[in-house]
Amino acid sequence: MREFSVEGCELVGRGAIGTVYRVDEDTIVKVYEIPDAIPMIENEQKRAKQAFLKGIPTAISYDIVKVGDKYGSVFELIKASTFNDLMIREPEKRDELIRQYAGLMHQIHATEAEKGELPEAKTVFLSYLEQVKDVLGGELYETLHARISGMKENLHLIHGDIQMKNVMMSDGEPLLIDMDTLSTGDPVFDLMGVYLTYVQFGEDDPANTMEFLGLPQDVCKNIWEKTIAYYFEGCTPEEIEDAKRRIRLISTVRFLFLLHVLNIGKPELKQIRTEHAVVFLRETVELVDSPEVGGLLKNGTT
């Protein structure tokens, strides 16, 4: 295995499990923080190839390297920047970038996989729900379980973590990275990540968006609002508000999983975040017959 050094390399982005560096003009390497990342890297390579063959623009890792005592995945990305970095560097282009972002999601969600080819996002979220059962309490858990398990089978693609740090602009074309969470399901399982990233983590910690994304809270809220507006273009204001409620419901399940199972976030905020999340779920779950949002779309893609 090749030895790689990222000393002096430009930091492109940092996520929960890895850090991306630019090695030269055409090459980036994602260094994983977990000890044995090789199975994860190999899974990501497999998922990226599956998406690429279906016409989804994505970067495919061509090598696994050793970076000190960690492992890295190498990509060829010509003149690439994340959408997140472009939002910081080119504020005059923010509206255009958000529209492209929503359009890329439409492209993904209009693409179908074969049955059994990929994991089901619904099944993944039911496992999240199971792992936070004690936090929710029995009655709320049972109601949420019924709502999620009752969702119809949907074989359209879901990225699984489609925040702007995982969307690159390479040589003028948008493409996806971090494909290890590729699955199938209703668009709600991607749109929830937009709310989670740009709104939910900042609700009890307004400084969070600057710390994690380098963007102020008002800009992040604007990303959420405009992404949803562009994604559901043609829907009525009432339909869009209904979609937001369903998205927030699913996002909050994921949020509690991140807080209590992966221990992501500031420990001192864990209790208040949990209380607010559980209150929201109790107030909202009876208003939502199903978390599905695909049926609200006017373009018929899902």
Protein backbone atom coordinates (compact mmCIF):
# COMPACT_ATOMS: atom_id res chain seq x y z
CA MET A 1 0.00 0.00 0.00
CA ARG A 2 1.34 3.40 -0.97
CA GLU A 3 2.38 5.74 1.83
CA PHE A 4 0.85 9.20 1.48
CA SER A 5 1.63 12.43 3.29
CA VAL A 6 -0.85 15.29 3.60
CA GLU A 7 1.61 17.61 5.33
CA GLY A 8 1.25 21.07 3.85
CA CYS A 9 -1.76 20.04 1.74
CA GLU A 10 -4.80 22.28 1.43
CA LEU A 11 -7.70 21.27 3.66
CA VAL A 12 -10.76 20.86 1.41
CA GLY A 13 -13.30 19.73 3.99
CA ARG A 14 -13.81 17.97 7.31
CA GLY A 15 -16.67 15.66 8.27
CA ALA A 16 -17.62 13.36 11.12
CA ILE A 17 -15.49 10.42 9.93
CA GLY A 18 -12.95 11.89 7.52
CA THR A 19 -10.92 14.86 6.32
CA VAL A 20 -10.37 15.73 2.66
CA TYR A 21 -7.09 17.23 1.43
CA ARG A 22 -5.98 18.51 -1.96
CA VAL A 23 -2.69 16.82 -2.91
CA ASP A 24 -2.26 18.65 -6.23
CA GLU A 25 -4.45 20.38 -8.84
CA ASP A 26 -6.02 17.11 -9.99
CA THR A 27 -5.95 14.91 -6.87
CA ILE A 28 -7.66 14.83 -3.48
CA VAL A 29 -7.39 12.28 -0.68
CA LYS A 30 -9.99 11.58 2.00
CA VAL A 31 -8.36 10.46 5.23
CA TYR A 32 -10.62 8.39 7.50
CA GLU A 33 -10.49 8.88 11.26
CA ILE A 34 -11.66 5.37 12.16
CA PRO A 35 -8.88 2.76 12.68
CA ASP A 36 -9.77 0.14 10.05
CA ALA A 37 -11.47 2.08 7.28
CA ILE A 38 -10.64 -0.30 4.43
CA PRO A 39 -14.06 -2.06 4.40
CA MET A 40 -15.76 1.35 4.43
CA ILE A 41 -13.58 2.62 1.57
CA GLU A 42 -14.21 -0.52 -0.48
CA ASN A 43 -17.96 -0.20 0.13
CA GLU A 44 -17.86 3.43 -0.97
CA GLN A 45 -16.00 2.47 -4.17
CA LYS A 46 -18.65 -0.16 -4.92
CA ARG A 47 -21.56 2.23 -4.29
CA ALA A 48 -19.95 4.98 -6.39
CA LYS A 49 -19.56 2.61 -9.34
CA GLN A 50 -23.20 1.54 -9.00
CA ALA A 51 -24.34 5.17 -9.08
CA PHE A 52 -22.00 6.09 -11.94
CA LEU A 53 -23.32 3.27 -14.11
CA LYS A 54 -26.82 4.67 -13.60
CA GLY A 55 -25.77 8.09 -14.86
CA ILE A 56 -25.29 9.82 -11.49
CA PRO A 57 -22.27 12.17 -11.56
CA THR A 58 -19.93 10.90 -8.89
CA ALA A 59 -16.24 10.64 -8.11
CA ILE A 60 -14.82 7.11 -7.91
CA SER A 61 -11.79 6.41 -5.74
CA TYR A 62 -8.99 4.72 -7.70
CA ASP A 63 -6.63 3.92 -4.82
CA ILE A 64 -6.42 3.20 -1.10
CA VAL A 65 -3.36 4.63 0.63
CA LYS A 66 -1.77 4.71 4.09
CA VAL A 67 -1.59 8.18 5.69
CA GLY A 68 0.42 7.79 8.87
CA ASP A 69 -1.55 5.27 10.98
CA LYS A 70 -4.77 5.96 9.04
CA TYR A 71 -6.16 5.04 5.64
CA GLY A 72 -7.10 7.31 2.79
CA SER A 73 -9.10 7.12 -0.42
CA VAL A 74 -7.67 8.88 -3.50
CA PHE A 75 -9.77 10.64 -6.15
CA GLU A 76 -9.02 12.46 -9.37
CA LEU A 77 -10.96 15.71 -9.19
CA ILE A 78 -9.87 18.40 -11.62
CA LYS A 79 -10.04 21.94 -10.20
CA ALA A 80 -12.60 20.75 -7.67
CA SER A 81 -14.20 22.67 -4.79
CA THR A 82 -17.08 21.66 -2.58
CA PHE A 83 -20.37 23.52 -2.93
CA ASN A 84 -19.86 24.49 0.72
CA ASP A 85 -16.56 26.21 -0.09
CA LEU A 86 -18.11 27.95 -3.09
CA MET A 87 -20.94 29.24 -0.87
CA ILE A 88 -18.25 30.84 1.33
CA ARG A 89 -15.98 32.17 -1.44
CA GLU A 90 -18.57 33.29 -3.98
CA PRO A 91 -21.60 34.69 -2.12
CA GLU A 92 -22.89 36.30 -5.33
CA LYS A 93 -23.44 32.78 -6.75
CA ARG A 94 -25.27 31.32 -3.77
CA ASP A 95 -28.72 31.29 -5.34
CA GLU A 96 -27.38 29.60 -8.50
CA LEU A 97 -25.54 26.99 -6.40
CA ILE A 98 -28.64 26.19 -4.34
CA ARG A 99 -30.68 25.72 -7.51
CA GLN A 100 -28.01 23.34 -8.88
CA TYR A 101 -27.98 21.54 -5.53
CA ALA A 102 -31.76 20.97 -5.65
CA GLY A 103 -31.50 19.96 -9.31
CA LEU A 104 -28.84 17.36 -8.53
CA MET A 105 -31.12 15.87 -5.90
CA HIS A 106 -33.92 15.68 -8.48
CA GLN A 107 -31.56 13.80 -10.82
CA ILE A 108 -30.63 11.30 -8.10
CA HIS A 109 -34.21 10.79 -6.93
CA ALA A 110 -35.44 10.22 -10.49
CA THR A 111 -33.03 7.27 -10.89
CA GLU A 112 -34.13 3.76 -9.96
CA ALA A 113 -32.17 0.72 -8.77
CA GLU A 114 -33.08 -2.93 -9.11
CA LYS A 115 -34.87 -4.47 -6.16
CA GLY A 116 -32.29 -5.77 -3.67
CA GLU A 117 -29.39 -3.97 -5.38
CA LEU A 118 -29.00 -1.44 -2.55
CA PRO A 119 -30.06 -1.18 1.10
CA GLU A 120 -33.45 0.38 1.86
CA ALA A 121 -33.25 3.74 3.61
CA LYS A 122 -36.45 2.87 5.49
CA THR A 123 -34.76 -0.18 7.03
CA VAL A 124 -31.72 1.90 7.98
CA PHE A 125 -33.93 4.44 9.76
CA LEU A 126 -35.87 1.77 11.59
CA SER A 127 -32.53 0.61 13.00
CA TYR A 128 -31.78 4.19 14.12
CA LEU A 129 -35.19 4.30 15.77
CA GLU A 130 -34.57 1.01 17.58
CA GLN A 131 -31.30 2.32 19.00
CA VAL A 132 -32.94 5.41 20.52
CA LYS A 133 -36.02 3.58 21.81
CA ASP A 134 -35.16 4.27 25.46
CA VAL A 135 -34.82 7.99 24.73
CA LEU A 136 -38.23 8.13 23.04
CA GLY A 137 -40.26 6.01 25.41
CA GLY A 138 -42.47 3.11 24.38
CA GLU A 139 -45.57 4.91 23.08
CA LEU A 140 -43.71 7.45 20.94
CA TYR A 141 -41.38 4.74 19.65
CA GLU A 142 -44.32 2.54 18.59
CA THR A 143 -46.06 5.41 16.79
CA LEU A 144 -42.89 6.43 14.91
CA HIS A 145 -42.16 2.80 14.06
CA ALA A 146 -45.62 2.43 12.56
CA ARG A 147 -45.22 5.61 10.47
CA ILE A 148 -41.81 4.65 9.06
CA SER A 149 -42.46 0.92 8.58
CA GLY A 150 -45.68 1.79 6.76
CA MET A 151 -43.86 3.72 4.02
CA LYS A 152 -44.29 2.22 0.54
CA GLU A 153 -41.43 0.44 -1.21
CA ASN A 154 -39.47 2.99 -3.26
CA LEU A 155 -36.52 1.97 -5.45
CA HIS A 156 -35.35 5.48 -6.33
CA LEU A 157 -31.80 6.38 -5.31
CA ILE A 158 -30.95 8.17 -2.07
CA HIS A 159 -27.45 9.53 -1.40
CA GLY A 160 -27.87 9.49 2.38
CA ASP A 161 -25.67 12.46 3.33
CA ILE A 162 -26.16 15.05 0.63
CA GLN A 163 -24.97 18.14 2.47
CA MET A 164 -22.95 20.61 0.37
CA LYS A 165 -19.60 19.31 1.67
CA ASN A 166 -20.36 16.10 -0.24
CA VAL A 167 -21.16 17.86 -3.52
CA MET A 168 -18.14 18.95 -5.56
CA MET A 169 -17.87 21.31 -8.50
CA SER A 170 -15.19 19.73 -10.70
CA ASP A 171 -14.24 21.49 -13.90
CA GLY A 172 -17.63 23.22 -13.96
CA GLU A 173 -19.74 20.09 -13.31
CA PRO A 174 -21.40 19.09 -9.99
CA LEU A 175 -20.70 15.58 -8.72
CA LEU A 176 -21.12 13.56 -5.54
CA ILE A 177 -18.60 12.13 -3.12
CA ASP A 178 -19.05 9.96 0.01
CA MET A 179 -21.21 7.33 -1.62
CA ASP A 180 -21.05 4.70 1.14
CA THR A 181 -24.59 5.60 2.31
CA LEU A 182 -26.19 5.10 -1.13
CA SER A 183 -29.58 3.42 -0.72
CA THR A 184 -33.14 3.50 -2.07
CA GLY A 185 -36.24 5.17 -0.71
CA ASP A 186 -38.44 8.23 -0.57
CA PRO A 187 -36.73 11.64 -1.10
CA VAL A 188 -37.43 12.49 2.55
CA PHE A 189 -34.37 10.39 3.47
CA ASP A 190 -32.10 12.86 1.61
CA LEU A 191 -33.99 16.08 2.31
CA MET A 192 -33.83 15.35 6.04
CA GLY A 193 -30.04 15.77 5.80
CA VAL A 194 -30.48 19.33 4.51
CA TYR A 195 -32.54 20.27 7.56
CA LEU A 196 -30.26 18.37 9.93
CA THR A 197 -27.10 20.05 8.60
CA TYR A 198 -28.26 23.59 7.98
CA VAL A 199 -30.87 24.11 10.71
CA GLN A 200 -31.18 21.42 13.37
CA PHE A 201 -27.65 21.35 14.76
CA GLY A 202 -27.76 25.14 15.07
CA GLU A 203 -31.12 25.42 16.83
CA ASP A 204 -29.67 25.21 20.35
CA ASP A 205 -26.19 26.34 19.28
CA PRO A 206 -26.20 29.29 16.83
CA ALA A 207 -22.39 29.16 16.53
CA ASN A 208 -22.51 25.58 15.22
CA THR A 209 -22.91 26.52 11.56
CA MET A 210 -19.78 28.70 11.58
CA GLU A 211 -17.79 26.02 13.40
CA PHE A 212 -18.84 23.14 11.13
CA LEU A 213 -19.62 24.82 7.81
CA GLY A 214 -17.94 28.22 7.95
CA LEU A 215 -21.31 29.84 7.20
CA PRO A 216 -23.44 32.03 9.49
CA GLN A 217 -26.76 30.73 10.75
CA ASP A 218 -28.87 33.05 8.57
CA VAL A 219 -27.13 31.82 5.40
CA CYS A 220 -27.66 28.19 6.44
CA LYS A 221 -31.37 28.77 7.09
CA ASN A 222 -31.55 30.36 3.65
CA ILE A 223 -29.94 27.24 2.12
CA TRP A 224 -32.65 25.11 3.75
CA GLU A 225 -35.55 27.34 2.71
CA LYS A 226 -34.41 27.86 -0.88
CA THR A 227 -33.44 24.21 -1.40
CA ILE A 228 -36.94 23.15 -0.37
CA ALA A 229 -38.56 25.89 -2.46
CA TYR A 230 -36.61 24.83 -5.58
CA TYR A 231 -37.04 21.13 -4.93
CA PHE A 232 -40.82 21.43 -4.54
CA GLU A 233 -41.25 24.07 -7.23
CA GLY A 234 -44.88 24.09 -8.38
CA CYS A 235 -46.28 22.97 -5.02
CA THR A 236 -48.57 25.21 -2.98
CA PRO A 237 -47.27 26.90 0.19
CA GLU A 238 -49.45 24.51 2.22
CA GLU A 239 -47.95 21.47 0.47
CA ILE A 240 -44.43 22.79 1.09
CA GLU A 241 -45.14 23.32 4.79
CA ASP A 242 -46.51 19.78 4.97
CA ALA A 243 -43.33 18.47 3.31
CA LYS A 244 -41.16 20.39 5.78
CA ARG A 245 -43.03 18.83 8.71
CA ARG A 246 -42.43 15.32 7.34
CA ILE A 247 -38.76 16.07 6.61
CA ARG A 248 -38.21 17.43 10.12
CA LEU A 249 -39.81 14.32 11.62
CA ILE A 250 -37.34 12.00 9.88
CA SER A 251 -34.45 14.39 10.52
CA THR A 252 -35.16 14.35 14.25
CA VAL A 253 -34.93 10.56 14.39
CA ARG A 254 -31.49 10.77 12.76
CA PHE A 255 -30.55 13.67 15.08
CA LEU A 256 -31.26 11.62 18.21
CA PHE A 257 -29.25 8.72 16.79
CA LEU A 258 -26.27 11.02 16.20
CA LEU A 259 -26.54 12.46 19.71
CA HIS A 260 -27.02 9.23 21.65
CA VAL A 261 -25.38 6.48 19.59
CA LEU A 262 -22.55 8.23 17.76
CA ASN A 263 -22.13 10.90 20.47
CA ILE A 264 -21.77 13.66 17.90
CA GLY A 265 -22.14 17.21 19.18
CA LYS A 266 -21.22 19.14 22.29
CA PRO A 267 -21.82 17.05 25.45
CA GLU A 268 -23.13 20.06 27.38
CA LEU A 269 -25.93 20.51 24.82
CA LYS A 270 -26.99 16.88 24.65
CA GLN A 271 -29.75 17.08 27.28
CA ILE A 272 -31.42 20.24 25.98
CA ARG A 273 -31.18 19.06 22.37
CA THR A 274 -32.74 15.75 23.34
CA GLU A 275 -35.59 17.41 25.24
CA HIS A 276 -36.41 19.71 22.33
CA ALA A 277 -36.24 16.82 19.84
CA VAL A 278 -38.56 14.57 21.83
CA VAL A 279 -41.07 17.40 22.41
CA PHE A 280 -41.13 18.10 18.67
CA LEU A 281 -41.68 14.44 17.82
CA ARG A 282 -44.54 14.11 20.32
CA GLU A 283 -46.24 17.24 18.95
CA THR A 284 -45.73 16.34 15.30
CA VAL A 285 -46.09 12.58 14.89
CA GLU A 286 -49.88 12.67 15.19
CA LEU A 287 -50.04 15.32 12.45
CA VAL A 288 -48.08 13.20 9.97
CA ASP A 289 -49.84 10.18 8.49
CA SER A 290 -46.67 9.20 6.61
CA PRO A 291 -43.19 10.75 6.31
CA GLU A 292 -43.24 10.30 2.51
CA VAL A 293 -42.80 13.47 0.41
CA GLY A 294 -42.28 12.00 -3.07
CA GLY A 295 -45.99 12.07 -3.79
CA LEU A 296 -46.05 15.86 -3.37
CA LEU A 297 -43.72 16.47 -6.33
CA LYS A 298 -45.27 18.04 -9.40
CA ASN A 299 -42.66 16.78 -11.88
CA GLY A 300 -43.46 13.10 -11.39
CA THR A 301 -39.83 12.05 -10.87
CA THR A 302 -40.52 9.85 -7.83
